[in-house]
Amino acid sequence: MTATPIVASTRTADPAVTPKARLAGIVVTTLVVAFLLFDSAIHLANIQPVRDSMAEYGFPDYAPYVMGIVMLVCLALYLIPMTSILGAVLLTGYLGGAVACNILTEQPLVSTILSPVYVGIFVWGGLYLRDAEVRRIMPLVRR
């Protein structure tokens, strides 16, 4: 008679993406990308509200163009499956900068300071729903 050692299971939840989860991820990703594309476009167009907020933050006149281009590059990386995790990380950094700017100008907490955090949740949520690799790296459930 041989004894079988008892080993604690470290297996994580199955990271497979179901068709419904993939579709939900595509929908969430589409919505967040549309929002961020609009944000990038208004920065590149340098419309009056953008100029006003840039002046409030103390940014130079060229800052909206730089921010718009950086956002477009981050979005391109996020949309390419091979670089989507890098894109999500870079978008998170960009959005963190927005949180810092909102704190510095003493904006309202829930409506303004945290709005980039909400966008970041959708960025990562959309990626989590459509990408098995993200599920493997960051499992929500451990068994």
N, C-alpha and C. Protein backbone atom coordinates (compact mmCIF):
# COMPACT_ATOMS: atom_id res chain seq x y z
N MET A 1 0.84 -1.17 0.00
CA MET A 1 0.00 0.00 0.00
C MET A 1 0.89 1.24 0.00
N THR A 2 0.66 2.13 -0.96
CA THR A 2 1.45 3.35 -1.05
C THR A 2 0.60 4.53 -0.63
N ALA A 3 1.25 5.45 0.01
CA ALA A 3 0.54 6.65 0.46
C ALA A 3 0.63 7.73 -0.61
N THR A 4 -0.46 8.38 -0.83
CA THR A 4 -0.48 9.49 -1.77
C THR A 4 -0.35 10.78 -0.97
N PRO A 5 0.68 11.58 -1.28
CA PRO A 5 0.83 12.82 -0.51
C PRO A 5 -0.32 13.79 -0.79
N ILE A 6 -0.71 14.47 0.25
CA ILE A 6 -1.76 15.48 0.11
C ILE A 6 -1.08 16.80 -0.21
N VAL A 7 -1.45 17.37 -1.32
CA VAL A 7 -0.86 18.63 -1.76
C VAL A 7 -1.98 19.65 -1.91
N ALA A 8 -1.75 20.82 -1.36
CA ALA A 8 -2.74 21.89 -1.50
C ALA A 8 -2.82 22.30 -2.96
N SER A 9 -4.00 22.47 -3.43
CA SER A 9 -4.20 22.85 -4.82
C SER A 9 -3.91 24.34 -5.00
N THR A 10 -3.09 24.63 -6.00
CA THR A 10 -2.83 26.03 -6.34
C THR A 10 -3.38 26.35 -7.72
N ARG A 11 -4.21 25.47 -8.21
CA ARG A 11 -4.78 25.65 -9.54
C ARG A 11 -5.70 26.87 -9.55
N THR A 12 -5.60 27.65 -10.57
CA THR A 12 -6.46 28.82 -10.69
C THR A 12 -7.66 28.48 -11.55
N ALA A 13 -8.61 29.38 -11.55
CA ALA A 13 -9.80 29.20 -12.38
C ALA A 13 -9.39 29.10 -13.84
N ASP A 14 -10.19 28.40 -14.61
CA ASP A 14 -9.92 28.22 -16.03
C ASP A 14 -9.94 29.58 -16.72
N PRO A 15 -8.81 29.96 -17.38
CA PRO A 15 -8.78 31.28 -18.00
C PRO A 15 -9.44 31.36 -19.38
N ALA A 16 -10.06 30.27 -19.81
CA ALA A 16 -10.67 30.28 -21.15
C ALA A 16 -11.73 31.37 -21.25
N VAL A 17 -11.79 31.97 -22.41
CA VAL A 17 -12.76 33.04 -22.67
C VAL A 17 -13.93 32.45 -23.43
N THR A 18 -15.12 32.57 -22.87
CA THR A 18 -16.31 32.07 -23.55
C THR A 18 -16.71 33.05 -24.65
N PRO A 19 -17.48 32.59 -25.62
CA PRO A 19 -17.93 33.51 -26.68
C PRO A 19 -18.72 34.71 -26.13
N LYS A 20 -19.54 34.48 -25.11
CA LYS A 20 -20.31 35.59 -24.52
C LYS A 20 -19.39 36.59 -23.82
N ALA A 21 -18.39 36.08 -23.11
CA ALA A 21 -17.44 36.97 -22.44
C ALA A 21 -16.64 37.76 -23.46
N ARG A 22 -16.22 37.10 -24.54
CA ARG A 22 -15.46 37.79 -25.59
C ARG A 22 -16.31 38.90 -26.21
N LEU A 23 -17.58 38.61 -26.49
CA LEU A 23 -18.48 39.62 -27.05
C LEU A 23 -18.65 40.79 -26.08
N ALA A 24 -18.86 40.48 -24.81
CA ALA A 24 -18.99 41.55 -23.80
C ALA A 24 -17.71 42.37 -23.74
N GLY A 25 -16.56 41.71 -23.82
CA GLY A 25 -15.28 42.42 -23.81
C GLY A 25 -15.12 43.32 -25.01
N ILE A 26 -15.56 42.86 -26.16
CA ILE A 26 -15.49 43.67 -27.37
C ILE A 26 -16.39 44.90 -27.25
N VAL A 27 -17.58 44.70 -26.68
CA VAL A 27 -18.51 45.83 -26.50
C VAL A 27 -17.92 46.86 -25.53
N VAL A 28 -17.41 46.39 -24.39
CA VAL A 28 -16.82 47.30 -23.40
C VAL A 28 -15.62 48.02 -24.00
N THR A 29 -14.76 47.26 -24.69
CA THR A 29 -13.58 47.85 -25.33
C THR A 29 -13.98 48.89 -26.36
N THR A 30 -14.99 48.59 -27.16
CA THR A 30 -15.45 49.54 -28.18
C THR A 30 -15.92 50.84 -27.54
N LEU A 31 -16.68 50.73 -26.47
CA LEU A 31 -17.20 51.93 -25.79
C LEU A 31 -16.07 52.76 -25.19
N VAL A 32 -15.14 52.11 -24.50
CA VAL A 32 -14.05 52.86 -23.86
C VAL A 32 -13.12 53.46 -24.91
N VAL A 33 -12.87 52.74 -26.00
CA VAL A 33 -12.02 53.28 -27.07
C VAL A 33 -12.71 54.47 -27.74
N ALA A 34 -14.02 54.38 -27.96
CA ALA A 34 -14.75 55.50 -28.57
C ALA A 34 -14.63 56.74 -27.68
N PHE A 35 -14.79 56.55 -26.38
CA PHE A 35 -14.67 57.67 -25.44
C PHE A 35 -13.27 58.28 -25.48
N LEU A 36 -12.25 57.42 -25.45
CA LEU A 36 -10.87 57.92 -25.44
C LEU A 36 -10.46 58.51 -26.79
N LEU A 37 -11.01 57.98 -27.88
CA LEU A 37 -10.77 58.59 -29.19
C LEU A 37 -11.35 60.01 -29.25
N PHE A 38 -12.53 60.16 -28.69
CA PHE A 38 -13.15 61.50 -28.62
C PHE A 38 -12.27 62.43 -27.79
N ASP A 39 -11.79 61.93 -26.65
CA ASP A 39 -10.92 62.73 -25.79
C ASP A 39 -9.65 63.15 -26.54
N SER A 40 -9.07 62.21 -27.26
CA SER A 40 -7.87 62.50 -28.05
C SER A 40 -8.18 63.52 -29.14
N ALA A 41 -9.31 63.36 -29.80
CA ALA A 41 -9.69 64.27 -30.89
C ALA A 41 -9.87 65.70 -30.40
N ILE A 42 -10.51 65.87 -29.23
CA ILE A 42 -10.70 67.24 -28.74
C ILE A 42 -9.39 67.86 -28.28
N HIS A 43 -8.45 67.02 -27.83
CA HIS A 43 -7.13 67.54 -27.49
C HIS A 43 -6.40 67.98 -28.76
N LEU A 44 -6.47 67.16 -29.79
CA LEU A 44 -5.80 67.51 -31.05
C LEU A 44 -6.46 68.71 -31.74
N ALA A 45 -7.78 68.83 -31.60
CA ALA A 45 -8.48 69.99 -32.17
C ALA A 45 -8.24 71.25 -31.34
N ASN A 46 -7.79 71.05 -30.11
CA ASN A 46 -7.47 72.15 -29.20
C ASN A 46 -8.63 73.14 -29.08
N ILE A 47 -9.82 72.60 -28.80
CA ILE A 47 -11.01 73.43 -28.67
C ILE A 47 -10.93 74.28 -27.39
N GLN A 48 -11.77 75.28 -27.30
CA GLN A 48 -11.70 76.25 -26.20
C GLN A 48 -11.76 75.60 -24.81
N PRO A 49 -12.68 74.66 -24.53
CA PRO A 49 -12.67 74.05 -23.20
C PRO A 49 -11.35 73.35 -22.86
N VAL A 50 -10.70 72.77 -23.87
CA VAL A 50 -9.40 72.14 -23.64
C VAL A 50 -8.36 73.21 -23.31
N ARG A 51 -8.37 74.29 -24.07
CA ARG A 51 -7.43 75.39 -23.80
C ARG A 51 -7.64 75.95 -22.39
N ASP A 52 -8.91 76.08 -22.00
CA ASP A 52 -9.22 76.61 -20.66
C ASP A 52 -8.69 75.68 -19.57
N SER A 53 -8.94 74.38 -19.72
CA SER A 53 -8.48 73.45 -18.68
C SER A 53 -6.96 73.35 -18.66
N MET A 54 -6.33 73.42 -19.82
CA MET A 54 -4.86 73.39 -19.86
C MET A 54 -4.28 74.62 -19.17
N ALA A 55 -4.92 75.77 -19.36
CA ALA A 55 -4.47 76.99 -18.68
C ALA A 55 -4.65 76.85 -17.17
N GLU A 56 -5.78 76.24 -16.76
CA GLU A 56 -6.05 76.03 -15.33
C GLU A 56 -4.98 75.15 -14.70
N TYR A 57 -4.55 74.12 -15.44
CA TYR A 57 -3.52 73.21 -14.94
C TYR A 57 -2.12 73.78 -15.06
N GLY A 58 -1.96 74.84 -15.84
CA GLY A 58 -0.65 75.44 -16.03
C GLY A 58 0.20 74.77 -17.10
N PHE A 59 -0.44 74.06 -18.02
CA PHE A 59 0.29 73.40 -19.10
C PHE A 59 0.63 74.39 -20.21
N PRO A 60 1.72 74.14 -20.94
CA PRO A 60 2.05 75.01 -22.08
C PRO A 60 1.06 74.80 -23.23
N ASP A 61 1.08 75.71 -24.19
CA ASP A 61 0.13 75.68 -25.31
C ASP A 61 0.20 74.41 -26.15
N TYR A 62 1.36 73.79 -26.24
CA TYR A 62 1.50 72.59 -27.08
C TYR A 62 1.05 71.31 -26.37
N ALA A 63 0.78 71.35 -25.08
CA ALA A 63 0.45 70.16 -24.30
C ALA A 63 -0.75 69.37 -24.84
N PRO A 64 -1.84 70.02 -25.27
CA PRO A 64 -2.97 69.22 -25.78
C PRO A 64 -2.59 68.34 -26.97
N TYR A 65 -1.72 68.84 -27.83
CA TYR A 65 -1.30 68.05 -28.99
C TYR A 65 -0.50 66.82 -28.55
N VAL A 66 0.40 67.04 -27.60
CA VAL A 66 1.20 65.92 -27.09
C VAL A 66 0.29 64.89 -26.42
N MET A 67 -0.64 65.36 -25.60
CA MET A 67 -1.55 64.45 -24.91
C MET A 67 -2.42 63.67 -25.89
N GLY A 68 -2.91 64.35 -26.92
CA GLY A 68 -3.73 63.68 -27.93
C GLY A 68 -2.95 62.60 -28.67
N ILE A 69 -1.71 62.89 -29.03
CA ILE A 69 -0.89 61.91 -29.74
C ILE A 69 -0.53 60.74 -28.84
N VAL A 70 -0.16 61.03 -27.59
CA VAL A 70 0.16 59.96 -26.64
C VAL A 70 -1.05 59.04 -26.46
N MET A 71 -2.23 59.63 -26.33
CA MET A 71 -3.45 58.83 -26.18
C MET A 71 -3.67 57.95 -27.40
N LEU A 72 -3.48 58.48 -28.60
CA LEU A 72 -3.66 57.68 -29.82
C LEU A 72 -2.69 56.51 -29.88
N VAL A 73 -1.45 56.74 -29.48
CA VAL A 73 -0.45 55.66 -29.47
C VAL A 73 -0.85 54.59 -28.46
N CYS A 74 -1.26 55.01 -27.27
CA CYS A 74 -1.70 54.05 -26.25
C CYS A 74 -2.91 53.24 -26.74
N LEU A 75 -3.85 53.91 -27.39
CA LEU A 75 -5.03 53.22 -27.91
C LEU A 75 -4.66 52.23 -29.00
N ALA A 76 -3.73 52.61 -29.88
CA ALA A 76 -3.30 51.69 -30.94
C ALA A 76 -2.69 50.44 -30.32
N LEU A 77 -1.84 50.61 -29.32
CA LEU A 77 -1.24 49.45 -28.65
C LEU A 77 -2.30 48.61 -27.95
N TYR A 78 -3.29 49.25 -27.36
CA TYR A 78 -4.37 48.55 -26.66
C TYR A 78 -5.22 47.73 -27.63
N LEU A 79 -5.41 48.22 -28.83
CA LEU A 79 -6.27 47.53 -29.80
C LEU A 79 -5.58 46.40 -30.55
N ILE A 80 -4.27 46.38 -30.58
CA ILE A 80 -3.53 45.30 -31.25
C ILE A 80 -3.41 44.15 -30.25
N PRO A 81 -3.97 42.98 -30.58
CA PRO A 81 -3.96 41.87 -29.61
C PRO A 81 -2.58 41.54 -29.03
N MET A 82 -1.55 41.61 -29.85
CA MET A 82 -0.21 41.25 -29.39
C MET A 82 0.35 42.25 -28.36
N THR A 83 -0.13 43.48 -28.39
CA THR A 83 0.38 44.52 -27.48
C THR A 83 -0.71 45.09 -26.57
N SER A 84 -1.83 44.39 -26.46
CA SER A 84 -2.96 44.95 -25.71
C SER A 84 -2.66 45.14 -24.23
N ILE A 85 -1.88 44.24 -23.63
CA ILE A 85 -1.56 44.40 -22.21
C ILE A 85 -0.66 45.62 -22.02
N LEU A 86 0.33 45.79 -22.88
CA LEU A 86 1.18 46.98 -22.82
C LEU A 86 0.33 48.24 -23.00
N GLY A 87 -0.59 48.22 -23.94
CA GLY A 87 -1.47 49.36 -24.15
C GLY A 87 -2.30 49.68 -22.92
N ALA A 88 -2.83 48.63 -22.26
CA ALA A 88 -3.62 48.85 -21.05
C ALA A 88 -2.77 49.43 -19.93
N VAL A 89 -1.53 48.96 -19.80
CA VAL A 89 -0.63 49.50 -18.78
C VAL A 89 -0.33 50.97 -19.06
N LEU A 90 -0.05 51.30 -20.32
CA LEU A 90 0.24 52.69 -20.67
C LEU A 90 -0.99 53.59 -20.49
N LEU A 91 -2.17 53.08 -20.84
CA LEU A 91 -3.40 53.84 -20.61
C LEU A 91 -3.60 54.08 -19.11
N THR A 92 -3.28 53.09 -18.30
CA THR A 92 -3.40 53.23 -16.85
C THR A 92 -2.49 54.35 -16.35
N GLY A 93 -1.28 54.40 -16.87
CA GLY A 93 -0.37 55.48 -16.50
C GLY A 93 -0.89 56.85 -16.92
N TYR A 94 -1.39 56.92 -18.14
CA TYR A 94 -1.95 58.18 -18.66
C TYR A 94 -3.12 58.63 -17.77
N LEU A 95 -3.99 57.69 -17.44
CA LEU A 95 -5.15 58.02 -16.61
C LEU A 95 -4.73 58.40 -15.19
N GLY A 96 -3.66 57.78 -14.70
CA GLY A 96 -3.12 58.17 -13.39
C GLY A 96 -2.65 59.61 -13.37
N GLY A 97 -2.06 60.05 -14.48
CA GLY A 97 -1.67 61.45 -14.61
C GLY A 97 -2.88 62.37 -14.57
N ALA A 98 -3.97 61.93 -15.16
CA ALA A 98 -5.20 62.73 -15.13
C ALA A 98 -5.74 62.84 -13.70
N VAL A 99 -5.65 61.74 -12.94
CA VAL A 99 -6.07 61.78 -11.54
C VAL A 99 -5.22 62.79 -10.77
N ALA A 100 -3.90 62.74 -11.00
CA ALA A 100 -2.99 63.66 -10.30
C ALA A 100 -3.32 65.12 -10.62
N CYS A 101 -3.57 65.41 -11.89
CA CYS A 101 -3.93 66.78 -12.29
C CYS A 101 -5.22 67.23 -11.62
N ASN A 102 -6.19 66.32 -11.55
CA ASN A 102 -7.47 66.66 -10.92
C ASN A 102 -7.31 66.91 -9.42
N ILE A 103 -6.41 66.16 -8.78
CA ILE A 103 -6.16 66.38 -7.35
C ILE A 103 -5.48 67.73 -7.14
N LEU A 104 -4.49 68.03 -7.99
CA LEU A 104 -3.75 69.29 -7.86
C LEU A 104 -4.64 70.52 -8.00
N THR A 105 -5.67 70.42 -8.82
CA THR A 105 -6.56 71.57 -9.01
C THR A 105 -7.80 71.49 -8.12
N GLU A 106 -7.77 70.56 -7.15
CA GLU A 106 -8.83 70.42 -6.15
C GLU A 106 -10.22 70.27 -6.76
N GLN A 107 -10.33 69.38 -7.72
CA GLN A 107 -11.62 69.08 -8.36
C GLN A 107 -12.48 68.23 -7.41
N PRO A 108 -13.78 68.13 -7.67
CA PRO A 108 -14.64 67.26 -6.86
C PRO A 108 -14.21 65.80 -6.98
N LEU A 109 -14.29 65.07 -5.87
CA LEU A 109 -13.77 63.71 -5.81
C LEU A 109 -14.48 62.74 -6.74
N VAL A 110 -15.76 62.51 -6.52
CA VAL A 110 -16.48 61.44 -7.23
C VAL A 110 -16.68 61.76 -8.71
N SER A 111 -17.02 62.99 -9.02
CA SER A 111 -17.36 63.32 -10.41
C SER A 111 -16.14 63.59 -11.28
N THR A 112 -15.05 64.06 -10.71
CA THR A 112 -13.92 64.47 -11.54
C THR A 112 -12.63 63.73 -11.21
N ILE A 113 -12.21 63.74 -9.95
CA ILE A 113 -10.95 63.09 -9.60
C ILE A 113 -10.98 61.61 -9.94
N LEU A 114 -12.08 60.95 -9.63
CA LEU A 114 -12.15 59.50 -9.85
C LEU A 114 -12.60 59.10 -11.25
N SER A 115 -13.00 60.04 -12.10
CA SER A 115 -13.48 59.64 -13.43
C SER A 115 -12.41 58.91 -14.25
N PRO A 116 -11.12 59.28 -14.20
CA PRO A 116 -10.14 58.46 -14.92
C PRO A 116 -10.00 57.05 -14.34
N VAL A 117 -10.25 56.90 -13.04
CA VAL A 117 -10.23 55.56 -12.43
C VAL A 117 -11.35 54.72 -13.02
N TYR A 118 -12.53 55.31 -13.17
CA TYR A 118 -13.65 54.58 -13.77
C TYR A 118 -13.31 54.14 -15.19
N VAL A 119 -12.69 55.02 -15.95
CA VAL A 119 -12.30 54.67 -17.33
C VAL A 119 -11.29 53.53 -17.29
N GLY A 120 -10.33 53.59 -16.38
CA GLY A 120 -9.34 52.53 -16.25
C GLY A 120 -9.96 51.18 -15.92
N ILE A 121 -10.99 51.19 -15.10
CA ILE A 121 -11.70 49.94 -14.77
C ILE A 121 -12.31 49.35 -16.04
N PHE A 122 -12.88 50.19 -16.88
CA PHE A 122 -13.44 49.71 -18.14
C PHE A 122 -12.36 49.25 -19.11
N VAL A 123 -11.21 49.93 -19.13
CA VAL A 123 -10.09 49.50 -19.98
C VAL A 123 -9.68 48.08 -19.61
N TRP A 124 -9.42 47.86 -18.33
CA TRP A 124 -8.98 46.54 -17.88
C TRP A 124 -10.12 45.52 -17.91
N GLY A 125 -11.34 45.95 -17.60
CA GLY A 125 -12.49 45.04 -17.65
C GLY A 125 -12.73 44.51 -19.05
N GLY A 126 -12.67 45.39 -20.04
CA GLY A 126 -12.84 44.95 -21.43
C GLY A 126 -11.76 43.98 -21.85
N LEU A 127 -10.52 44.27 -21.44
CA LEU A 127 -9.41 43.38 -21.79
C LEU A 127 -9.54 42.05 -21.07
N TYR A 128 -9.94 42.08 -19.80
CA TYR A 128 -10.12 40.85 -19.02
C TYR A 128 -11.18 39.95 -19.66
N LEU A 129 -12.25 40.55 -20.11
CA LEU A 129 -13.33 39.76 -20.70
C LEU A 129 -12.94 39.11 -22.03
N ARG A 130 -12.04 39.74 -22.78
CA ARG A 130 -11.73 39.23 -24.12
C ARG A 130 -10.38 38.55 -24.25
N ASP A 131 -9.56 38.53 -23.20
CA ASP A 131 -8.19 38.03 -23.32
C ASP A 131 -7.88 36.99 -22.24
N ALA A 132 -7.64 35.75 -22.67
CA ALA A 132 -7.34 34.66 -21.74
C ALA A 132 -6.03 34.88 -21.00
N GLU A 133 -5.07 35.53 -21.64
CA GLU A 133 -3.77 35.78 -20.99
C GLU A 133 -3.93 36.70 -19.79
N VAL A 134 -4.77 37.71 -19.90
CA VAL A 134 -5.03 38.60 -18.77
C VAL A 134 -5.71 37.82 -17.65
N ARG A 135 -6.62 36.95 -18.00
CA ARG A 135 -7.29 36.10 -17.00
C ARG A 135 -6.29 35.19 -16.29
N ARG A 136 -5.29 34.71 -17.04
CA ARG A 136 -4.29 33.83 -16.45
C ARG A 136 -3.38 34.60 -15.50
N ILE A 137 -2.99 35.80 -15.91
CA ILE A 137 -2.09 36.62 -15.10
C ILE A 137 -2.78 37.14 -13.84
N MET A 138 -4.03 37.56 -13.98
CA MET A 138 -4.78 38.17 -12.88
C MET A 138 -6.11 37.44 -12.67
N PRO A 139 -6.07 36.23 -12.13
CA PRO A 139 -7.33 35.51 -11.93
C PRO A 139 -8.17 36.18 -10.84
N LEU A 140 -9.46 36.25 -11.07
CA LEU A 140 -10.36 36.80 -10.06
C LEU A 140 -10.73 35.76 -9.02
N VAL A 141 -10.61 34.47 -9.38
CA VAL A 141 -10.99 33.39 -8.49
C VAL A 141 -9.84 32.41 -8.38
N ARG A 142 -9.52 32.01 -7.16
CA ARG A 142 -8.55 30.93 -6.94
C ARG A 142 -9.29 29.77 -6.31
N ARG A 143 -8.99 28.59 -6.80
CA ARG A 143 -9.62 27.39 -6.21
C ARG A 143 -8.60 26.62 -5.42
